[in-house]
C-alpha atoms as a PDB file:
ATOM      1  CA  MET A   1     -53.182  71.171  37.783  1.00  0.00           C
ATOM      2  CA  ALA A   2     -56.454  71.443  38.595  1.00  0.00           C
ATOM      3  CA  ASP A   3     -57.735  72.713  35.502  1.00  0.00           C
ATOM      4  CA  GLU A   4     -56.760  69.874  33.240  1.00  0.00           C
ATOM      5  CA  SER A   5     -59.750  68.677  31.750  1.00  0.00           C
ATOM      6  CA  PRO A   6     -60.870  65.250  31.285  1.00  0.00           C
ATOM      7  CA  ASP A   7     -59.983  65.648  27.413  1.00  0.00           C
ATOM      8  CA  ASP A   8     -56.195  66.481  27.908  1.00  0.00           C
ATOM      9  CA  GLU A   9     -56.139  63.027  29.214  1.00  0.00           C
ATOM     10  CA  SER A  10     -54.875  60.567  26.526  1.00  0.00           C
ATOM     11  CA  VAL A  11     -57.368  58.308  25.483  1.00  0.00           C
ATOM     12  CA  GLU A  12     -57.118  55.986  22.728  1.00  0.00           C
ATOM     13  CA  SER A  13     -59.306  56.179  19.887  1.00  0.00           C
ATOM     14  CA  PRO A  14     -60.277  52.898  17.945  1.00  0.00           C
ATOM     15  CA  GLU A  15     -58.290  53.945  15.316  1.00  0.00           C
ATOM     16  CA  ASP A  16     -55.058  53.636  17.369  1.00  0.00           C
ATOM     17  CA  GLU A  17     -56.377  50.256  18.712  1.00  0.00           C
ATOM     18  CA  ASP A  18     -56.679  48.903  15.002  1.00  0.00           C
ATOM     19  CA  THR A  19     -53.384  50.425  14.115  1.00  0.00           C
ATOM     20  CA  ALA A  20     -51.787  48.665  17.233  1.00  0.00           C
ATOM     21  CA  VAL A  21     -53.296  45.242  16.150  1.00  0.00           C
ATOM     22  CA  GLU A  22     -52.322  46.164  12.253  1.00  0.00           C
ATOM     23  CA  THR A  23     -48.777  46.587  13.747  1.00  0.00           C
ATOM     24  CA  ALA A  24     -48.862  43.235  15.960  1.00  0.00           C
ATOM     25  CA  ASP A  25     -50.429  41.209  12.750  1.00  0.00           C
ATOM     26  CA  ASP A  26     -47.450  42.953  10.820  1.00  0.00           C
ATOM     27  CA  GLU A  27     -44.913  41.444  13.235  1.00  0.00           C
ATOM     28  CA  ALA A  28     -46.641  38.064  13.315  1.00  0.00           C
ATOM     29  CA  GLU A  29     -46.306  37.814   9.611  1.00  0.00           C
ATOM     30  CA  PRO A  30     -42.529  37.362   9.293  1.00  0.00           C
ATOM     31  CA  GLU A  31     -42.915  34.190  11.709  1.00  0.00           C
ATOM     32  CA  PRO A  32     -44.530  32.015   8.731  1.00  0.00           C
ATOM     33  CA  GLU A  33     -41.335  32.956   6.759  1.00  0.00           C
ATOM     34  CA  ALA A  34     -39.240  32.092   9.368  1.00  0.00           C
ATOM     35  CA  ARG A  35     -40.265  28.463   9.460  1.00  0.00           C
ATOM     36  CA  PRO A  36     -39.921  27.608   6.029  1.00  0.00           C
ATOM     37  CA  MET A  37     -36.253  29.235   6.335  1.00  0.00           C
ATOM     38  CA  SER A  38     -35.337  27.548   9.400  1.00  0.00           C
ATOM     39  CA  ARG A  39     -36.601  24.156   7.469  1.00  0.00           C
ATOM     40  CA  ILE A  40     -34.063  25.102   4.446  1.00  0.00           C
ATOM     41  CA  ARG A  41     -31.315  25.816   6.813  1.00  0.00           C
ATOM     42  CA  LEU A  42     -31.842  22.545   8.602  1.00  0.00           C
ATOM     43  CA  GLY A  43     -31.892  20.381   5.084  1.00  0.00           C
ATOM     44  CA  ALA A  44     -28.778  22.663   4.252  1.00  0.00           C
ATOM     45  CA  LEU A  45     -27.015  21.691   7.561  1.00  0.00           C
ATOM     46  CA  VAL A  46     -28.096  17.611   7.202  1.00  0.00           C
ATOM     47  CA  GLY A  47     -26.703  17.785   3.746  1.00  0.00           C
ATOM     48  CA  SER A  48     -23.711  19.304   4.318  1.00  0.00           C
ATOM     49  CA  ALA A  49     -23.287  17.086   7.254  1.00  0.00           C
ATOM     50  CA  VAL A  50     -23.733  14.200   5.240  1.00  0.00           C
ATOM     51  CA  VAL A  51     -21.409  15.340   2.734  1.00  0.00           C
ATOM     52  CA  VAL A  52     -18.685  15.858   5.360  1.00  0.00           C
ATOM     53  CA  VAL A  53     -19.412  12.611   6.812  1.00  0.00           C
ATOM     54  CA  LEU A  54     -19.236  10.653   3.254  1.00  0.00           C
ATOM     55  CA  ALA A  55     -16.228  12.918   2.210  1.00  0.00           C
ATOM     56  CA  GLY A  56     -14.418  11.612   5.459  1.00  0.00           C
ATOM     57  CA  LEU A  57     -15.459   7.686   4.456  1.00  0.00           C
ATOM     58  CA  ALA A  58     -14.523   8.234   1.055  1.00  0.00           C
ATOM     59  CA  GLY A  59     -10.970   9.331   2.303  1.00  0.00           C
ATOM     60  CA  TRP A  60     -10.510   6.952   4.366  1.00  0.00           C
ATOM     61  CA  LEU A  61     -11.760   4.029   2.111  1.00  0.00           C
ATOM     62  CA  GLY A  62      -9.304   5.506   0.002  1.00  0.00           C
ATOM     63  CA  TYR A  63      -6.657   5.516   2.246  1.00  0.00           C
ATOM     64  CA  LEU A  64      -6.999   2.019   3.476  1.00  0.00           C
ATOM     65  CA  ALA A  65      -7.104   0.893  -0.649  1.00  0.00           C
ATOM     66  CA  TYR A  66      -3.798   2.947  -0.885  1.00  0.00           C
ATOM     67  CA  GLN A  67      -1.950   0.775   2.064  1.00  0.00           C
ATOM     68  CA  SER A  68      -3.355  -2.245   0.860  1.00  0.00           C
ATOM     69  CA  GLN A  69      -1.926  -1.397  -2.733  1.00  0.00           C
ATOM     70  CA  SER A  70       1.105  -0.480  -1.205  1.00  0.00           C
ATOM     71  CA  ALA A  71       1.315  -3.868   0.933  1.00  0.00           C
ATOM     72  CA  GLU A  72       0.808  -5.987  -2.315  1.00  0.00           C
ATOM     73  CA  ARG A  73       3.451  -4.182  -3.865  1.00  0.00           C
ATOM     74  CA  HIS A  74       5.989  -4.544  -1.304  1.00  0.00           C
ATOM     75  CA  ARG A  75       4.793  -8.355  -1.162  1.00  0.00           C
ATOM     76  CA  ASP A  76       5.104  -8.637  -4.709  1.00  0.00           C
ATOM     77  CA  MET A  77       8.815  -7.151  -4.797  1.00  0.00           C
ATOM     78  CA  MET A  78      10.233  -9.638  -1.873  1.00  0.00           C
ATOM     79  CA  LEU A  79       8.877 -12.457  -3.579  1.00  0.00           C
ATOM     80  CA  GLU A  80      10.192 -11.482  -6.764  1.00  0.00           C
ATOM     81  CA  ALA A  81      13.479 -10.894  -5.678  1.00  0.00           C
ATOM     82  CA  GLY A  82      13.606 -14.210  -3.802  1.00  0.00           C
ATOM     83  CA  ARG A  83      12.648 -16.288  -7.009  1.00  0.00           C
ATOM     84  CA  GLN A  84      14.882 -13.713  -9.046  1.00  0.00           C
ATOM     85  CA  ALA A  85      18.186 -14.740  -6.819  1.00  0.00           C
ATOM     86  CA  ALA A  86      16.869 -18.243  -7.013  1.00  0.00           C
ATOM     87  CA  PHE A  87      16.975 -18.437 -10.557  1.00  0.00           C
ATOM     88  CA  SER A  88      20.413 -16.773 -11.089  1.00  0.00           C
ATOM     89  CA  LEU A  89      21.760 -19.328  -8.882  1.00  0.00           C
ATOM     90  CA  THR A  90      20.520 -21.815 -10.654  1.00  0.00           C
ATOM     91  CA  ASN A  91      21.070 -21.189 -14.157  1.00  0.00           C
ATOM     92  CA  VAL A  92      25.138 -20.521 -14.815  1.00  0.00           C
ATOM     93  CA  GLY A  93      26.819 -21.490 -18.023  1.00  0.00           C
ATOM     94  CA  TRP A  94      30.713 -22.119 -18.597  1.00  0.00           C
ATOM     95  CA  GLU A  95      30.155 -19.662 -21.415  1.00  0.00           C
ATOM     96  CA  THR A  96      28.658 -17.038 -19.475  1.00  0.00           C
ATOM     97  CA  ALA A  97      30.016 -17.733 -16.286  1.00  0.00           C
ATOM     98  CA  ASP A  98      31.151 -14.136 -15.635  1.00  0.00           C
ATOM     99  CA  ALA A  99      27.921 -12.541 -16.525  1.00  0.00           C
ATOM    100  CA  ASP A 100      26.002 -15.291 -14.620  1.00  0.00           C
ATOM    101  CA  VAL A 101      28.435 -14.952 -11.454  1.00  0.00           C
ATOM    102  CA  GLN A 102      27.577 -10.728 -11.779  1.00  0.00           C
ATOM    103  CA  ARG A 103      23.979 -11.785 -11.822  1.00  0.00           C
ATOM    104  CA  VAL A 104      24.052 -13.459  -8.694  1.00  0.00           C
ATOM    105  CA  LEU A 105      26.097 -10.876  -7.025  1.00  0.00           C
ATOM    106  CA  ASP A 106      23.648  -7.982  -8.076  1.00  0.00           C
ATOM    107  CA  SER A 107      20.827  -9.865  -6.657  1.00  0.00           C
ATOM    108  CA  ALA A 108      22.774 -10.557  -3.386  1.00  0.00           C
ATOM    109  CA  GLY A 109      23.384  -8.493  -0.022  1.00  0.00           C
ATOM    110  CA  GLY A 110      24.410  -8.682   3.273  1.00  0.00           C
ATOM    111  CA  LYS A 111      26.217 -11.857   4.913  1.00  0.00           C
ATOM    112  CA  PHE A 112      25.441 -13.789   1.691  1.00  0.00           C
ATOM    113  CA  TYR A 113      26.863 -11.089  -0.426  1.00  0.00           C
ATOM    114  CA  ASP A 114      29.799 -11.498   1.705  1.00  0.00           C
ATOM    115  CA  ASP A 115      30.142 -15.192   1.454  1.00  0.00           C
ATOM    116  CA  PHE A 116      29.539 -15.253  -2.488  1.00  0.00           C
ATOM    117  CA  GLU A 117      32.021 -12.471  -3.001  1.00  0.00           C
ATOM    118  CA  LYS A 118      34.737 -14.524  -1.438  1.00  0.00           C
ATOM    119  CA  ARG A 119      34.248 -17.559  -3.619  1.00  0.00           C
ATOM    120  CA  ALA A 120      32.963 -16.001  -6.735  1.00  0.00           C
ATOM    121  CA  GLU A 121      36.752 -16.227  -8.715  1.00  0.00           C
ATOM    122  CA  SER A 122      36.759 -20.017  -7.690  1.00  0.00           C
ATOM    123  CA  TYR A 123      33.283 -20.974  -8.485  1.00  0.00           C
ATOM    124  CA  ARG A 124      33.722 -19.256 -12.289  1.00  0.00           C
ATOM    125  CA  GLU A 125      36.776 -21.081 -12.427  1.00  0.00           C
ATOM    126  CA  VAL A 126      35.248 -24.429 -11.760  1.00  0.00           C
ATOM    127  CA  VAL A 127      32.125 -23.759 -13.679  1.00  0.00           C
ATOM    128  CA  LYS A 128      34.710 -23.061 -17.006  1.00  0.00           C
ATOM    129  CA  GLN A 129      36.879 -25.658 -16.085  1.00  0.00           C
ATOM    130  CA  VAL A 130      34.584 -28.618 -16.221  1.00  0.00           C
ATOM    131  CA  LYS A 131      32.452 -26.950 -18.621  1.00  0.00           C
ATOM    132  CA  SER A 132      29.393 -26.973 -16.286  1.00  0.00           C
ATOM    133  CA  LYS A 133      26.103 -25.735 -17.251  1.00  0.00           C
ATOM    134  CA  SER A 134      22.869 -25.796 -15.119  1.00  0.00           C
ATOM    135  CA  GLU A 135      19.289 -24.872 -15.950  1.00  0.00           C
ATOM    136  CA  GLY A 136      16.939 -24.050 -13.238  1.00  0.00           C
ATOM    137  CA  THR A 137      13.076 -23.368 -13.288  1.00  0.00           C
ATOM    138  CA  ILE A 138      10.984 -22.436 -10.706  1.00  0.00           C
ATOM    139  CA  THR A 139       8.320 -24.526  -9.905  1.00  0.00           C
ATOM    140  CA  GLY A 140       6.923 -22.605  -6.943  1.00  0.00           C
ATOM    141  CA  SER A 141       7.244 -19.808  -4.319  1.00  0.00           C
ATOM    142  CA  ALA A 142       5.729 -18.254  -1.234  1.00  0.00           C
ATOM    143  CA  LEU A 143       6.371 -16.364   1.172  1.00  0.00           C
ATOM    144  CA  GLU A 144       7.333 -17.894   4.517  1.00  0.00           C
ATOM    145  CA  SER A 145       6.791 -14.510   6.636  1.00  0.00           C
ATOM    146  CA  ILE A 146       7.492 -10.623   5.700  1.00  0.00           C
ATOM    147  CA  SER A 147       7.709  -7.711   7.619  1.00  0.00           C
ATOM    148  CA  ASP A 148       8.397  -3.603   6.576  1.00  0.00           C
ATOM    149  CA  ASP A 149      12.334  -4.439   5.769  1.00  0.00           C
ATOM    150  CA  GLN A 150      12.445  -8.559   5.584  1.00  0.00           C
ATOM    151  CA  ALA A 151      11.152 -11.189   4.026  1.00  0.00           C
ATOM    152  CA  LYS A 152      11.570 -15.108   3.803  1.00  0.00           C
ATOM    153  CA  VAL A 153      10.990 -16.704   0.738  1.00  0.00           C
ATOM    154  CA  LEU A 154      10.134 -20.221  -0.143  1.00  0.00           C
ATOM    155  CA  VAL A 155      11.525 -21.298  -3.471  1.00  0.00           C
ATOM    156  CA  SER A 156      11.559 -24.796  -5.238  1.00  0.00           C
ATOM    157  CA  VAL A 157      13.575 -25.063  -8.209  1.00  0.00           C
ATOM    158  CA  THR A 158      13.955 -28.155 -10.767  1.00  0.00           C
ATOM    159  CA  VAL A 159      17.439 -28.201 -12.001  1.00  0.00           C
ATOM    160  CA  LYS A 160      18.728 -29.744 -15.225  1.00  0.00           C
ATOM    161  CA  SER A 161      22.884 -29.915 -15.025  1.00  0.00           C
ATOM    162  CA  SER A 162      25.301 -30.755 -17.657  1.00  0.00           C
ATOM    163  CA  ASN A 163      29.296 -30.844 -17.588  1.00  0.00           C
ATOM    164  CA  ALA A 164      32.114 -32.182 -20.163  1.00  0.00           C
ATOM    165  CA  GLY A 165      32.158 -35.674 -17.981  1.00  0.00           C
ATOM    166  CA  VAL A 166      28.549 -36.390 -17.791  1.00  0.00           C
ATOM    167  CA  PRO A 167      26.540 -34.685 -20.726  1.00  0.00           C
ATOM    168  CA  GLU A 168      23.260 -35.013 -19.122  1.00  0.00           C
ATOM    169  CA  GLN A 169      22.239 -35.838 -15.775  1.00  0.00           C
ATOM    170  CA  ALA A 170      19.011 -36.603 -13.934  1.00  0.00           C
ATOM    171  CA  PRO A 171      17.154 -33.391 -12.606  1.00  0.00           C
ATOM    172  CA  GLN A 172      17.692 -32.425  -9.238  1.00  0.00           C
ATOM    173  CA  TYR A 173      14.844 -30.595  -6.911  1.00  0.00           C
ATOM    174  CA  TRP A 174      15.825 -28.368  -4.589  1.00  0.00           C
ATOM    175  CA  ARG A 175      14.167 -26.058  -2.060  1.00  0.00           C
ATOM    176  CA  MET A 176      15.497 -22.812  -0.790  1.00  0.00           C
ATOM    177  CA  VAL A 177      14.757 -20.390   1.779  1.00  0.00           C
ATOM    178  CA  LEU A 178      15.889 -16.941   0.873  1.00  0.00           C
ATOM    179  CA  THR A 179      16.010 -14.022   3.345  1.00  0.00           C
ATOM    180  CA  VAL A 180      15.176 -11.212   1.548  1.00  0.00           C
ATOM    181  CA  GLN A 181      15.941  -7.487   3.061  1.00  0.00           C
ATOM    182  CA  GLU A 182      15.104  -4.654   1.602  1.00  0.00           C
ATOM    183  CA  ASN A 183      16.927  -1.207   1.903  1.00  0.00           C
ATOM    184  CA  GLU A 184      16.644   1.983   0.222  1.00  0.00           C
ATOM    185  CA  GLY A 185      13.923   0.514  -1.908  1.00  0.00           C
ATOM    186  CA  LYS A 186      15.876  -2.343  -3.332  1.00  0.00           C
ATOM    187  CA  ALA A 187      15.417  -5.997  -2.520  1.00  0.00           C
ATOM    188  CA  LYS A 188      18.344  -7.886  -1.813  1.00  0.00           C
ATOM    189  CA  VAL A 189      18.656 -11.695  -0.917  1.00  0.00           C
ATOM    190  CA  SER A 190      21.012 -11.631   2.599  1.00  0.00           C
ATOM    191  CA  GLU A 191      20.844 -15.359   3.251  1.00  0.00           C
ATOM    192  CA  LEU A 192      20.073 -18.514   1.803  1.00  0.00           C
ATOM    193  CA  GLU A 193      19.378 -21.931   3.334  1.00  0.00           C
ATOM    194  CA  PHE A 194      18.367 -25.173   1.479  1.00  0.00           C
ATOM    195  CA  VAL A 195      15.802 -27.275   2.986  1.00  0.00           C
ATOM    196  CA  GLU A 196      14.499 -30.850   2.695  1.00  0.00           C
END
């Protein structure tokens, strides 16, 4: 191809250079738009991360609050069961002996229930026979210890008693340690000990 002339060679004209420069400029123009998009994306990612962290923190704090309330309800239930049993034991009258003894049995469980049930009938008869009446007032109570299903409840009671032979007796001050067991959501006294 000896006849090829220099005109046949491709030569870029100045117009081609302008087009190439314009093309390069066109490609460079989207780059400034990409920067604000990346800042927006970064802001969205940071905002999303903050929302996720705050939601996790709120969930954790909610869980802790629930656990705290649940533990408080459990403590209150165990303490109230001990207080109620002490009240029932110290408020027995000869005219209401059957209902009073049943109330004690209703608050009892375990060993205490077994022991009291064995003596319930004779206790009722003695109370009726001597026309005994006792009125107990809870003067204090506290939890000595507590676990998931058991608590030791300390209760102090002032008891005023009377019977047919001695109409008005001096008040007695009792302190009890009641072991309260929880079973199927119900708290019952399983042991009772009088302390000085």
